[in-house]
Amino acid sequence: MRASDSMTVSELAAALGVRPSTLRHWDKEDLVVPDRDPAAGARRYTPAQVRDARIVHQLRRAGYRIEPLRALMPELRSARRLEDAASALEARDAGIEARSRALLDGAAALGTVLSMCAV
């Protein structure tokens, strides 16, 4: 990797279509922690950190909250094999599916109760 491959917070924010404050928030939450320019102290994202930011961005768009991402991102970074990452994502998807089914079941039960009240 070359230093020229890195991106500033503004460049990465523009590439992702998010505000720079979003990237600063992810830094504060330890989701994507950029390097700092020693002279100016400005954030610089290496290609690996840009990849991490893209992953966080897509997962946030898919509904992942900060806390689960805080646990997931180190696993993805340290995954020795693609299967490890896929397994972590499959487990998260299974949890989302279970909650979605529970919400649908609850909505159906509520619909039944409301229809009985309308009579």
PDB file of N, CA and C in Angstrom:
ATOM      1  N   MET A   1       0.840  -1.175   0.000  1.00  0.00           N
ATOM      2  CA  MET A   1       0.000   0.000   0.000  1.00  0.00           C
ATOM      3  C   MET A   1       0.887   1.241   0.000  1.00  0.00           C
ATOM      4  N   ARG A   2       0.455   2.203  -0.737  1.00  0.00           N
ATOM      5  CA  ARG A   2       1.185   3.466  -0.807  1.00  0.00           C
ATOM      6  C   ARG A   2       0.431   4.531  -0.033  1.00  0.00           C
ATOM      7  N   ALA A   3       1.149   5.518   0.453  1.00  0.00           N
ATOM      8  CA  ALA A   3       0.509   6.634   1.159  1.00  0.00           C
ATOM      9  C   ALA A   3      -0.481   7.340   0.252  1.00  0.00           C
ATOM     10  N   SER A   4      -0.212   7.333  -1.047  1.00  0.00           N
ATOM     11  CA  SER A   4      -1.112   8.005  -1.988  1.00  0.00           C
ATOM     12  C   SER A   4      -2.446   7.281  -2.133  1.00  0.00           C
ATOM     13  N   ASP A   5      -2.528   6.047  -1.669  1.00  0.00           N
ATOM     14  CA  ASP A   5      -3.778   5.287  -1.736  1.00  0.00           C
ATOM     15  C   ASP A   5      -4.727   5.639  -0.594  1.00  0.00           C
ATOM     16  N   SER A   6      -4.259   6.388   0.365  1.00  0.00           N
ATOM     17  CA  SER A   6      -5.110   6.721   1.507  1.00  0.00           C
ATOM     18  C   SER A   6      -6.061   7.862   1.147  1.00  0.00           C
ATOM     19  N   MET A   7      -7.091   8.033   1.976  1.00  0.00           N
ATOM     20  CA  MET A   7      -8.109   9.051   1.730  1.00  0.00           C
ATOM     21  C   MET A   7      -8.295   9.898   2.980  1.00  0.00           C
ATOM     22  N   THR A   8      -8.653  11.155   2.772  1.00  0.00           N
ATOM     23  CA  THR A   8      -9.009  12.020   3.889  1.00  0.00           C
ATOM     24  C   THR A   8     -10.447  11.713   4.301  1.00  0.00           C
ATOM     25  N   VAL A   9     -10.852  12.258   5.426  1.00  0.00           N
ATOM     26  CA  VAL A   9     -12.224  12.057   5.891  1.00  0.00           C
ATOM     27  C   VAL A   9     -13.214  12.635   4.874  1.00  0.00           C
ATOM     28  N   SER A  10     -12.894  13.774   4.289  1.00  0.00           N
ATOM     29  CA  SER A  10     -13.789  14.388   3.298  1.00  0.00           C
ATOM     30  C   SER A  10     -13.879  13.550   2.028  1.00  0.00           C
ATOM     31  N   GLU A  11     -12.747  13.029   1.582  1.00  0.00           N
ATOM     32  CA  GLU A  11     -12.744  12.199   0.371  1.00  0.00           C
ATOM     33  C   GLU A  11     -13.549  10.923   0.578  1.00  0.00           C
ATOM     34  N   LEU A  12     -13.347  10.279   1.720  1.00  0.00           N
ATOM     35  CA  LEU A  12     -14.072   9.037   1.988  1.00  0.00           C
ATOM     36  C   LEU A  12     -15.559   9.301   2.183  1.00  0.00           C
ATOM     37  N   ALA A  13     -15.894  10.372   2.867  1.00  0.00           N
ATOM     38  CA  ALA A  13     -17.306  10.716   3.057  1.00  0.00           C
ATOM     39  C   ALA A  13     -17.982  10.928   1.704  1.00  0.00           C
ATOM     40  N   ALA A  14     -17.316  11.625   0.789  1.00  0.00           N
ATOM     41  CA  ALA A  14     -17.877  11.851  -0.538  1.00  0.00           C
ATOM     42  C   ALA A  14     -18.016  10.537  -1.300  1.00  0.00           C
ATOM     43  N   ALA A  15     -17.030   9.662  -1.182  1.00  0.00           N
ATOM     44  CA  ALA A  15     -17.074   8.369  -1.883  1.00  0.00           C
ATOM     45  C   ALA A  15     -18.228   7.497  -1.385  1.00  0.00           C
ATOM     46  N   LEU A  16     -18.514   7.573  -0.082  1.00  0.00           N
ATOM     47  CA  LEU A  16     -19.583   6.753   0.501  1.00  0.00           C
ATOM     48  C   LEU A  16     -20.948   7.430   0.427  1.00  0.00           C
ATOM     49  N   GLY A  17     -20.951   8.741   0.227  1.00  0.00           N
ATOM     50  CA  GLY A  17     -22.215   9.474   0.240  1.00  0.00           C
ATOM     51  C   GLY A  17     -22.731   9.720   1.646  1.00  0.00           C
ATOM     52  N   VAL A  18     -21.806   9.893   2.590  1.00  0.00           N
ATOM     53  CA  VAL A  18     -22.170  10.198   3.977  1.00  0.00           C
ATOM     54  C   VAL A  18     -21.494  11.508   4.376  1.00  0.00           C
ATOM     55  N   ARG A  19     -21.865  12.035   5.509  1.00  0.00           N
ATOM     56  CA  ARG A  19     -21.238  13.251   6.020  1.00  0.00           C
ATOM     57  C   ARG A  19     -19.927  12.904   6.726  1.00  0.00           C
ATOM     58  N   PRO A  20     -18.982  13.805   6.708  1.00  0.00           N
ATOM     59  CA  PRO A  20     -17.751  13.571   7.471  1.00  0.00           C
ATOM     60  C   PRO A  20     -18.029  13.297   8.949  1.00  0.00           C
ATOM     61  N   SER A  21     -19.070  13.915   9.488  1.00  0.00           N
ATOM     62  CA  SER A  21     -19.409  13.682  10.895  1.00  0.00           C
ATOM     63  C   SER A  21     -19.788  12.217  11.140  1.00  0.00           C
ATOM     64  N   THR A  22     -20.336  11.558  10.124  1.00  0.00           N
ATOM     65  CA  THR A  22     -20.665  10.129  10.251  1.00  0.00           C
ATOM     66  C   THR A  22     -19.382   9.324  10.443  1.00  0.00           C
ATOM     67  N   LEU A  23     -18.377   9.625   9.638  1.00  0.00           N
ATOM     68  CA  LEU A  23     -17.099   8.920   9.769  1.00  0.00           C
ATOM     69  C   LEU A  23     -16.441   9.218  11.108  1.00  0.00           C
ATOM     70  N   ARG A  24     -16.567  10.435  11.579  1.00  0.00           N
ATOM     71  CA  ARG A  24     -16.011  10.777  12.892  1.00  0.00           C
ATOM     72  C   ARG A  24     -16.739  10.008  13.999  1.00  0.00           C
ATOM     73  N   HIS A  25     -18.045   9.841  13.827  1.00  0.00           N
ATOM     74  CA  HIS A  25     -18.820   9.070  14.797  1.00  0.00           C
ATOM     75  C   HIS A  25     -18.366   7.609  14.786  1.00  0.00           C
ATOM     76  N   TRP A  26     -18.169   7.041  13.604  1.00  0.00           N
ATOM     77  CA  TRP A  26     -17.695   5.659  13.520  1.00  0.00           C
ATOM     78  C   TRP A  26     -16.317   5.523  14.167  1.00  0.00           C
ATOM     79  N   ASP A  27     -15.486   6.543  14.026  1.00  0.00           N
ATOM     80  CA  ASP A  27     -14.175   6.553  14.675  1.00  0.00           C
ATOM     81  C   ASP A  27     -14.365   6.534  16.192  1.00  0.00           C
ATOM     82  N   LYS A  28     -15.234   7.398  16.692  1.00  0.00           N
ATOM     83  CA  LYS A  28     -15.502   7.476  18.134  1.00  0.00           C
ATOM     84  C   LYS A  28     -16.036   6.150  18.671  1.00  0.00           C
ATOM     85  N   GLU A  29     -16.836   5.455  17.866  1.00  0.00           N
ATOM     86  CA  GLU A  29     -17.426   4.180  18.275  1.00  0.00           C
ATOM     87  C   GLU A  29     -16.511   2.981  18.001  1.00  0.00           C
ATOM     88  N   ASP A  30     -15.284   3.242  17.526  1.00  0.00           N
ATOM     89  CA  ASP A  30     -14.290   2.190  17.224  1.00  0.00           C
ATOM     90  C   ASP A  30     -14.732   1.244  16.122  1.00  0.00           C
ATOM     91  N   LEU A  31     -15.551   1.721  15.201  1.00  0.00           N
ATOM     92  CA  LEU A  31     -15.949   0.900  14.062  1.00  0.00           C
ATOM     93  C   LEU A  31     -14.900   0.963  12.963  1.00  0.00           C
ATOM     94  N   VAL A  32     -14.491   2.161  12.626  1.00  0.00           N
ATOM     95  CA  VAL A  32     -13.435   2.388  11.632  1.00  0.00           C
ATOM     96  C   VAL A  32     -12.546   3.485  12.203  1.00  0.00           C
ATOM     97  N   VAL A  33     -11.360   3.103  12.629  1.00  0.00           N
ATOM     98  CA  VAL A  33     -10.450   4.056  13.266  1.00  0.00           C
ATOM     99  C   VAL A  33      -9.314   4.350  12.278  1.00  0.00           C
ATOM    100  N   PRO A  34      -9.314   5.570  11.736  1.00  0.00           N
ATOM    101  CA  PRO A  34      -8.280   5.919  10.755  1.00  0.00           C
ATOM    102  C   PRO A  34      -6.946   6.215  11.425  1.00  0.00           C
ATOM    103  N   ASP A  35      -5.913   6.232  10.591  1.00  0.00           N
ATOM    104  CA  ASP A  35      -4.616   6.690  11.061  1.00  0.00           C
ATOM    105  C   ASP A  35      -4.668   8.208  11.155  1.00  0.00           C
ATOM    106  N   ARG A  36      -3.694   8.772  11.833  1.00  0.00           N
ATOM    107  CA  ARG A  36      -3.600  10.229  11.944  1.00  0.00           C
ATOM    108  C   ARG A  36      -2.328  10.700  11.262  1.00  0.00           C
ATOM    109  N   ASP A  37      -2.451  11.773  10.506  1.00  0.00           N
ATOM    110  CA  ASP A  37      -1.283  12.414   9.904  1.00  0.00           C
ATOM    111  C   ASP A  37      -0.458  12.985  11.044  1.00  0.00           C
ATOM    112  N   PRO A  38       0.804  12.553  11.199  1.00  0.00           N
ATOM    113  CA  PRO A  38       1.601  12.999  12.338  1.00  0.00           C
ATOM    114  C   PRO A  38       1.790  14.517  12.388  1.00  0.00           C
ATOM    115  N   ALA A  39       1.879  15.145  11.237  1.00  0.00           N
ATOM    116  CA  ALA A  39       2.127  16.588  11.216  1.00  0.00           C
ATOM    117  C   ALA A  39       0.882  17.387  11.573  1.00  0.00           C
ATOM    118  N   ALA A  40      -0.221  17.055  10.935  1.00  0.00           N
ATOM    119  CA  ALA A  40      -1.434  17.856  11.115  1.00  0.00           C
ATOM    120  C   ALA A  40      -2.448  17.209  12.055  1.00  0.00           C
ATOM    121  N   GLY A  41      -2.319  15.912  12.307  1.00  0.00           N
ATOM    122  CA  GLY A  41      -3.286  15.222  13.153  1.00  0.00           C
ATOM    123  C   GLY A  41      -4.578  14.884  12.436  1.00  0.00           C
ATOM    124  N   ALA A  42      -4.626  15.129  11.126  1.00  0.00           N
ATOM    125  CA  ALA A  42      -5.838  14.859  10.346  1.00  0.00           C
ATOM    126  C   ALA A  42      -6.005  13.357  10.133  1.00  0.00           C
ATOM    127  N   ARG A  43      -7.253  12.933  10.003  1.00  0.00           N
ATOM    128  CA  ARG A  43      -7.543  11.527   9.758  1.00  0.00           C
ATOM    129  C   ARG A  43      -7.139  11.160   8.335  1.00  0.00           C
ATOM    130  N   ARG A  44      -6.501   9.973   8.188  1.00  0.00           N
ATOM    131  CA  ARG A  44      -6.161   9.411   6.886  1.00  0.00           C
ATOM    132  C   ARG A  44      -6.583   7.952   6.908  1.00  0.00           C
ATOM    133  N   TYR A  45      -7.387   7.565   5.938  1.00  0.00           N
ATOM    134  CA  TYR A  45      -7.894   6.199   5.850  1.00  0.00           C
ATOM    135  C   TYR A  45      -7.048   5.406   4.868  1.00  0.00           C
ATOM    136  N   THR A  46      -6.448   4.323   5.343  1.00  0.00           N
ATOM    137  CA  THR A  46      -5.695   3.420   4.480  1.00  0.00           C
ATOM    138  C   THR A  46      -6.682   2.633   3.627  1.00  0.00           C
ATOM    139  N   PRO A  47      -6.213   1.966   2.583  1.00  0.00           N
ATOM    140  CA  PRO A  47      -7.140   1.145   1.790  1.00  0.00           C
ATOM    141  C   PRO A  47      -7.901   0.114   2.626  1.00  0.00           C
ATOM    142  N   ALA A  48      -7.257  -0.490   3.621  1.00  0.00           N
ATOM    143  CA  ALA A  48      -7.946  -1.457   4.484  1.00  0.00           C
ATOM    144  C   ALA A  48      -9.036  -0.764   5.301  1.00  0.00           C
ATOM    145  N   GLN A  49      -8.759   0.453   5.776  1.00  0.00           N
ATOM    146  CA  GLN A  49      -9.763   1.197   6.543  1.00  0.00           C
ATOM    147  C   GLN A  49     -10.900   1.673   5.642  1.00  0.00           C
ATOM    148  N   VAL A  50     -10.589   1.994   4.388  1.00  0.00           N
ATOM    149  CA  VAL A  50     -11.635   2.346   3.426  1.00  0.00           C
ATOM    150  C   VAL A  50     -12.551   1.143   3.209  1.00  0.00           C
ATOM    151  N   ARG A  51     -11.952  -0.043   3.073  1.00  0.00           N
ATOM    152  CA  ARG A  51     -12.744  -1.273   2.932  1.00  0.00           C
ATOM    153  C   ARG A  51     -13.648  -1.462   4.148  1.00  0.00           C
ATOM    154  N   ASP A  52     -13.099  -1.267   5.344  1.00  0.00           N
ATOM    155  CA  ASP A  52     -13.896  -1.395   6.564  1.00  0.00           C
ATOM    156  C   ASP A  52     -15.038  -0.388   6.585  1.00  0.00           C
ATOM    157  N   ALA A  53     -14.755   0.838   6.158  1.00  0.00           N
ATOM    158  CA  ALA A  53     -15.796   1.874   6.130  1.00  0.00           C
ATOM    159  C   ALA A  53     -16.902   1.488   5.150  1.00  0.00           C
ATOM    160  N   ARG A  54     -16.529   0.912   4.022  1.00  0.00           N
ATOM    161  CA  ARG A  54     -17.543   0.467   3.051  1.00  0.00           C
ATOM    162  C   ARG A  54     -18.413  -0.650   3.647  1.00  0.00           C
ATOM    163  N   ILE A  55     -17.788  -1.543   4.379  1.00  0.00           N
ATOM    164  CA  ILE A  55     -18.539  -2.629   5.031  1.00  0.00           C
ATOM    165  C   ILE A  55     -19.495  -2.049   6.073  1.00  0.00           C
ATOM    166  N   VAL A  56     -18.992  -1.158   6.919  1.00  0.00           N
ATOM    167  CA  VAL A  56     -19.835  -0.544   7.947  1.00  0.00           C
ATOM    168  C   VAL A  56     -20.981   0.210   7.292  1.00  0.00           C
ATOM    169  N   HIS A  57     -20.688   0.942   6.246  1.00  0.00           N
ATOM    170  CA  HIS A  57     -21.728   1.717   5.554  1.00  0.00           C
ATOM    171  C   HIS A  57     -22.840   0.801   5.032  1.00  0.00           C
ATOM    172  N   GLN A  58     -22.459  -0.284   4.372  1.00  0.00           N
ATOM    173  CA  GLN A  58     -23.468  -1.209   3.837  1.00  0.00           C
ATOM    174  C   GLN A  58     -24.264  -1.878   4.958  1.00  0.00           C
ATOM    175  N   LEU A  59     -23.592  -2.270   6.025  1.00  0.00           N
ATOM    176  CA  LEU A  59     -24.298  -2.919   7.130  1.00  0.00           C
ATOM    177  C   LEU A  59     -25.221  -1.935   7.851  1.00  0.00           C
ATOM    178  N   ARG A  60     -24.796  -0.681   7.988  1.00  0.00           N
ATOM    179  CA  ARG A  60     -25.681   0.337   8.593  1.00  0.00           C
ATOM    180  C   ARG A  60     -26.907   0.549   7.717  1.00  0.00           C
ATOM    181  N   ARG A  61     -26.702   0.579   6.398  1.00  0.00           N
ATOM    182  CA  ARG A  61     -27.838   0.736   5.480  1.00  0.00           C
ATOM    183  C   ARG A  61     -28.784  -0.463   5.569  1.00  0.00           C
ATOM    184  N   ALA A  62     -28.239  -1.627   5.919  1.00  0.00           N
ATOM    185  CA  ALA A  62     -29.055  -2.837   6.051  1.00  0.00           C
ATOM    186  C   ALA A  62     -29.726  -2.929   7.419  1.00  0.00           C
ATOM    187  N   GLY A  63     -29.494  -1.951   8.282  1.00  0.00           N
ATOM    188  CA  GLY A  63     -30.186  -1.924   9.561  1.00  0.00           C
ATOM    189  C   GLY A  63     -29.363  -2.337  10.767  1.00  0.00           C
ATOM    190  N   TYR A  64     -28.094  -2.648  10.566  1.00  0.00           N
ATOM    191  CA  TYR A  64     -27.258  -3.014  11.713  1.00  0.00           C
ATOM    192  C   TYR A  64     -27.056  -1.799  12.603  1.00  0.00           C
ATOM    193  N   ARG A  65     -27.147  -2.012  13.891  1.00  0.00           N
ATOM    194  CA  ARG A  65     -26.928  -0.939  14.858  1.00  0.00           C
ATOM    195  C   ARG A  65     -25.448  -0.896  15.243  1.00  0.00           C
ATOM    196  N   ILE A  66     -25.079   0.170  15.908  1.00  0.00           N
ATOM    197  CA  ILE A  66     -23.676   0.401  16.262  1.00  0.00           C
ATOM    198  C   ILE A  66     -23.122  -0.701  17.169  1.00  0.00           C
ATOM    199  N   GLU A  67     -23.858  -1.056  18.215  1.00  0.00           N
ATOM    200  CA  GLU A  67     -23.340  -2.033  19.186  1.00  0.00           C
ATOM    201  C   GLU A  67     -23.000  -3.379  18.545  1.00  0.00           C
ATOM    202  N   PRO A  68     -23.906  -3.990  17.774  1.00  0.00           N
ATOM    203  CA  PRO A  68     -23.530  -5.255  17.125  1.00  0.00           C
ATOM    204  C   PRO A  68     -22.362  -5.096  16.152  1.00  0.00           C
ATOM    205  N   LEU A  69     -22.290  -3.952  15.475  1.00  0.00           N
ATOM    206  CA  LEU A  69     -21.174  -3.726  14.561  1.00  0.00           C
ATOM    207  C   LEU A  69     -19.855  -3.617  15.316  1.00  0.00           C
ATOM    208  N   ARG A  70     -19.904  -3.040  16.491  1.00  0.00           N
ATOM    209  CA  ARG A  70     -18.693  -2.920  17.305  1.00  0.00           C
ATOM    210  C   ARG A  70     -18.136  -4.308  17.614  1.00  0.00           C
ATOM    211  N   ALA A  71     -19.012  -5.278  17.789  1.00  0.00           N
ATOM    212  CA  ALA A  71     -18.564  -6.652  18.045  1.00  0.00           C
ATOM    213  C   ALA A  71     -18.191  -7.370  16.748  1.00  0.00           C
ATOM    214  N   LEU A  72     -18.894  -7.065  15.674  1.00  0.00           N
ATOM    215  CA  LEU A  72     -18.695  -7.777  14.409  1.00  0.00           C
ATOM    216  C   LEU A  72     -17.435  -7.344  13.666  1.00  0.00           C
ATOM    217  N   MET A  73     -17.132  -6.061  13.657  1.00  0.00           N
ATOM    218  CA  MET A  73     -16.016  -5.568  12.843  1.00  0.00           C
ATOM    219  C   MET A  73     -14.668  -6.193  13.208  1.00  0.00           C
ATOM    220  N   PRO A  74     -14.326  -6.338  14.484  1.00  0.00           N
ATOM    221  CA  PRO A  74     -13.051  -7.014  14.782  1.00  0.00           C
ATOM    222  C   PRO A  74     -13.025  -8.451  14.269  1.00  0.00           C
ATOM    223  N   GLU A  75     -14.165  -9.120  14.321  1.00  0.00           N
ATOM    224  CA  GLU A  75     -14.232 -10.485  13.799  1.00  0.00           C
ATOM    225  C   GLU A  75     -13.974 -10.496  12.300  1.00  0.00           C
ATOM    226  N   LEU A  76     -14.552  -9.544  11.592  1.00  0.00           N
ATOM    227  CA  LEU A  76     -14.353  -9.483  10.148  1.00  0.00           C
ATOM    228  C   LEU A  76     -12.904  -9.145   9.807  1.00  0.00           C
ATOM    229  N   ARG A  77     -12.300  -8.253  10.587  1.00  0.00           N
ATOM    230  CA  ARG A  77     -10.907  -7.875  10.335  1.00  0.00           C
ATOM    231  C   ARG A  77      -9.955  -9.032  10.598  1.00  0.00           C
ATOM    232  N   SER A  78     -10.258  -9.843  11.604  1.00  0.00           N
ATOM    233  CA  SER A  78      -9.340 -10.908  11.974  1.00  0.00           C
ATOM    234  C   SER A  78      -9.717 -12.256  11.370  1.00  0.00           C
ATOM    235  N   ALA A  79     -10.787 -12.294  10.595  1.00  0.00           N
ATOM    236  CA  ALA A  79     -11.224 -13.564  10.003  1.00  0.00           C
ATOM    237  C   ALA A  79     -10.103 -14.136   9.137  1.00  0.00           C
ATOM    238  N   ARG A  80      -9.708 -15.345   9.430  1.00  0.00           N
ATOM    239  CA  ARG A  80      -8.633 -15.991   8.679  1.00  0.00           C
ATOM    240  C   ARG A  80      -9.148 -16.490   7.333  1.00  0.00           C
ATOM    241  N   ARG A  81     -10.415 -16.832   7.302  1.00  0.00           N
ATOM    242  CA  ARG A  81     -10.996 -17.363   6.075  1.00  0.00           C
ATOM    243  C   ARG A  81     -12.313 -16.665   5.807  1.00  0.00           C
ATOM    244  N   LEU A  82     -12.700 -16.655   4.572  1.00  0.00           N
ATOM    245  CA  LEU A  82     -13.958 -16.034   4.185  1.00  0.00           C
ATOM    246  C   LEU A  82     -15.137 -16.706   4.889  1.00  0.00           C
ATOM    247  N   GLU A  83     -15.013 -18.006   5.159  1.00  0.00           N
ATOM    248  CA  GLU A  83     -16.088 -18.733   5.838  1.00  0.00           C
ATOM    249  C   GLU A  83     -16.357 -18.175   7.233  1.00  0.00           C
ATOM    250  N   ASP A  84     -15.312 -17.713   7.912  1.00  0.00           N
ATOM    251  CA  ASP A  84     -15.490 -17.128   9.244  1.00  0.00           C
ATOM    252  C   ASP A  84     -16.376 -15.895   9.167  1.00  0.00           C
ATOM    253  N   ALA A  85     -16.103 -15.043   8.194  1.00  0.00           N
ATOM    254  CA  ALA A  85     -16.898 -13.830   8.018  1.00  0.00           C
ATOM    255  C   ALA A  85     -18.322 -14.188   7.604  1.00  0.00           C
ATOM    256  N   ALA A  86     -18.456 -15.130   6.696  1.00  0.00           N
ATOM    257  CA  ALA A  86     -19.783 -15.545   6.242  1.00  0.00           C
ATOM    258  C   ALA A  86     -20.586 -16.129   7.400  1.00  0.00           C
ATOM    259  N   SER A  87     -19.932 -16.890   8.244  1.00  0.00           N
ATOM    260  CA  SER A  87     -20.609 -17.482   9.403  1.00  0.00           C
ATOM    261  C   SER A  87     -21.116 -16.407  10.355  1.00  0.00           C
ATOM    262  N   ALA A  88     -20.295 -15.392  10.603  1.00  0.00           N
ATOM    263  CA  ALA A  88     -20.711 -14.301  11.492  1.00  0.00           C
ATOM    264  C   ALA A  88     -21.906 -13.564  10.906  1.00  0.00           C
ATOM    265  N   LEU A  89     -21.884 -13.323   9.605  1.00  0.00           N
ATOM    266  CA  LEU A  89     -22.998 -12.620   8.964  1.00  0.00           C
ATOM    267  C   LEU A  89     -24.261 -13.484   8.925  1.00  0.00           C
ATOM    268  N   GLU A  90     -24.099 -14.782   8.700  1.00  0.00           N
ATOM    269  CA  GLU A  90     -25.248 -15.685   8.710  1.00  0.00           C
ATOM    270  C   GLU A  90     -25.903 -15.726  10.084  1.00  0.00           C
ATOM    271  N   ALA A  91     -25.106 -15.734  11.130  1.00  0.00           N
ATOM    272  CA  ALA A  91     -25.660 -15.729  12.488  1.00  0.00           C
ATOM    273  C   ALA A  91     -26.445 -14.451  12.735  1.00  0.00           C
ATOM    274  N   ARG A  92     -25.921 -13.329  12.277  1.00  0.00           N
ATOM    275  CA  ARG A  92     -26.627 -12.052  12.436  1.00  0.00           C
ATOM    276  C   ARG A  92     -27.922 -12.064  11.629  1.00  0.00           C
ATOM    277  N   ASP A  93     -27.869 -12.593  10.408  1.00  0.00           N
ATOM    278  CA  ASP A  93     -29.074 -12.686   9.579  1.00  0.00           C
ATOM    279  C   ASP A  93     -30.135 -13.569  10.230  1.00  0.00           C
ATOM    280  N   ALA A  94     -29.712 -14.658  10.854  1.00  0.00           N
ATOM    281  CA  ALA A  94     -30.658 -15.553  11.521  1.00  0.00           C
ATOM    282  C   ALA A  94     -31.346 -14.818  12.670  1.00  0.00           C
ATOM    283  N   GLY A  95     -30.602 -14.016  13.397  1.00  0.00           N
ATOM    284  CA  GLY A  95     -31.198 -13.233  14.479  1.00  0.00           C
ATOM    285  C   GLY A  95     -32.200 -12.221  13.959  1.00  0.00           C
ATOM    286  N   ILE A  96     -31.870 -11.566  12.873  1.00  0.00           N
ATOM    287  CA  ILE A  96     -32.791 -10.596  12.267  1.00  0.00           C
ATOM    288  C   ILE A  96     -34.045 -11.300  11.768  1.00  0.00           C
ATOM    289  N   GLU A  97     -33.876 -12.453  11.145  1.00  0.00           N
ATOM    290  CA  GLU A  97     -35.028 -13.207  10.650  1.00  0.00           C
ATOM    291  C   GLU A  97     -35.935 -13.640  11.798  1.00  0.00           C
ATOM    292  N   ALA A  98     -35.356 -14.097  12.893  1.00  0.00           N
ATOM    293  CA  ALA A  98     -36.158 -14.523  14.047  1.00  0.00           C
ATOM    294  C   ALA A  98     -36.943 -13.351  14.627  1.00  0.00           C
ATOM    295  N   ARG A  99     -36.304 -12.188  14.747  1.00  0.00           N
ATOM    296  CA  ARG A  99     -37.014 -11.010  15.258  1.00  0.00           C
ATOM    297  C   ARG A  99     -38.099 -10.557  14.290  1.00  0.00           C
ATOM    298  N   SER A 100     -37.833 -10.644  13.000  1.00  0.00           N
ATOM    299  CA  SER A 100     -38.831 -10.252  12.000  1.00  0.00           C
ATOM    300  C   SER A 100     -40.054 -11.155  12.074  1.00  0.00           C
ATOM    301  N   ARG A 101     -39.819 -12.455  12.204  1.00  0.00           N
ATOM    302  CA  ARG A 101     -40.949 -13.389  12.325  1.00  0.00           C
ATOM    303  C   ARG A 101     -41.757 -13.122  13.594  1.00  0.00           C
ATOM    304  N   ALA A 102     -41.057 -12.824  14.679  1.00  0.00           N
ATOM    305  CA  ALA A 102     -41.750 -12.519  15.938  1.00  0.00           C
ATOM    306  C   ALA A 102     -42.592 -11.256  15.782  1.00  0.00           C
ATOM    307  N   LEU A 103     -42.064 -10.262  15.088  1.00  0.00           N
ATOM    308  CA  LEU A 103     -42.836  -9.036  14.854  1.00  0.00           C
ATOM    309  C   LEU A 103     -44.065  -9.312  13.990  1.00  0.00           C
ATOM    310  N   LEU A 104     -43.910 -10.136  12.973  1.00  0.00           N
ATOM    311  CA  LEU A 104     -45.055 -10.481  12.123  1.00  0.00           C
ATOM    312  C   LEU A 104     -46.109 -11.262  12.906  1.00  0.00           C
ATOM    313  N   ASP A 105     -45.658 -12.201  13.719  1.00  0.00           N
ATOM    314  CA  ASP A 105     -46.591 -12.965  14.551  1.00  0.00           C
ATOM    315  C   ASP A 105     -47.324 -12.042  15.519  1.00  0.00           C
ATOM    316  N   GLY A 106     -46.591 -11.104  16.111  1.00  0.00           N
ATOM    317  CA  GLY A 106     -47.214 -10.149  17.029  1.00  0.00           C
ATOM    318  C   GLY A 106     -48.222  -9.269  16.323  1.00  0.00           C
ATOM    319  N   ALA A 107     -47.895  -8.842  15.108  1.00  0.00           N
ATOM    320  CA  ALA A 107     -48.823  -8.010  14.341  1.00  0.00           C
ATOM    321  C   ALA A 107     -50.094  -8.784  14.001  1.00  0.00           C
ATOM    322  N   ALA A 108     -49.948 -10.052  13.652  1.00  0.00           N
ATOM    323  CA  ALA A 108     -51.118 -10.873  13.347  1.00  0.00           C
ATOM    324  C   ALA A 108     -51.999 -11.040  14.591  1.00  0.00           C
ATOM    325  N   ALA A 109     -51.373 -11.294  15.733  1.00  0.00           N
ATOM    326  CA  ALA A 109     -52.122 -11.454  16.979  1.00  0.00           C
ATOM    327  C   ALA A 109     -52.837 -10.145  17.341  1.00  0.00           C
ATOM    328  N   LEU A 110     -52.158  -9.028  17.160  1.00  0.00           N
ATOM    329  CA  LEU A 110     -52.765  -7.734  17.451  1.00  0.00           C
ATOM    330  C   LEU A 110     -53.938  -7.474  16.510  1.00  0.00           C
ATOM    331  N   GLY A 111     -53.788  -7.848  15.238  1.00  0.00           N
ATOM    332  CA  GLY A 111     -54.894  -7.696  14.275  1.00  0.00           C
ATOM    333  C   GLY A 111     -56.111  -8.487  14.710  1.00  0.00           C
ATOM    334  N   THR A 112     -55.889  -9.691  15.224  1.00  0.00           N
ATOM    335  CA  THR A 112     -57.003 -10.529  15.692  1.00  0.00           C
ATOM    336  C   THR A 112     -57.697  -9.869  16.877  1.00  0.00           C
ATOM    337  N   VAL A 113     -56.923  -9.373  17.817  1.00  0.00           N
ATOM    338  CA  VAL A 113     -57.492  -8.721  18.998  1.00  0.00           C
ATOM    339  C   VAL A 113     -58.276  -7.475  18.589  1.00  0.00           C
ATOM    340  N   LEU A 114     -57.720  -6.675  17.715  1.00  0.00           N
ATOM    341  CA  LEU A 114     -58.404  -5.459  17.277  1.00  0.00           C
ATOM    342  C   LEU A 114     -59.686  -5.747  16.512  1.00  0.00           C
ATOM    343  N   SER A 115     -59.675  -6.803  15.702  1.00  0.00           N
ATOM    344  CA  SER A 115     -60.892  -7.150  14.962  1.00  0.00           C
ATOM    345  C   SER A 115     -61.979  -7.646  15.910  1.00  0.00           C
ATOM    346  N   MET A 116     -61.583  -8.303  17.009  1.00  0.00           N
ATOM    347  CA  MET A 116     -62.572  -8.769  17.991  1.00  0.00           C
ATOM    348  C   MET A 116     -63.159  -7.582  18.766  1.00  0.00           C
ATOM    349  N   CYS A 117     -62.359  -6.543  18.972  1.00  0.00           N
ATOM    350  CA  CYS A 117     -62.819  -5.355  19.684  1.00  0.00           C
ATOM    351  C   CYS A 117     -63.780  -4.534  18.825  1.00  0.00           C
ATOM    352  N   ALA A 118     -63.629  -4.611  17.522  1.00  0.00           N
ATOM    353  CA  ALA A 118     -64.457  -3.822  16.594  1.00  0.00           C
ATOM    354  C   ALA A 118     -65.870  -4.400  16.491  1.00  0.00           C
ATOM    355  N   VAL A 119     -66.063  -5.616  16.914  1.00  0.00           N
ATOM    356  CA  VAL A 119     -67.379  -6.272  16.788  1.00  0.00           C
ATOM    357  C   VAL A 119     -68.359  -5.776  17.792  1.00  0.00           C
TER     358      VAL A 119
END
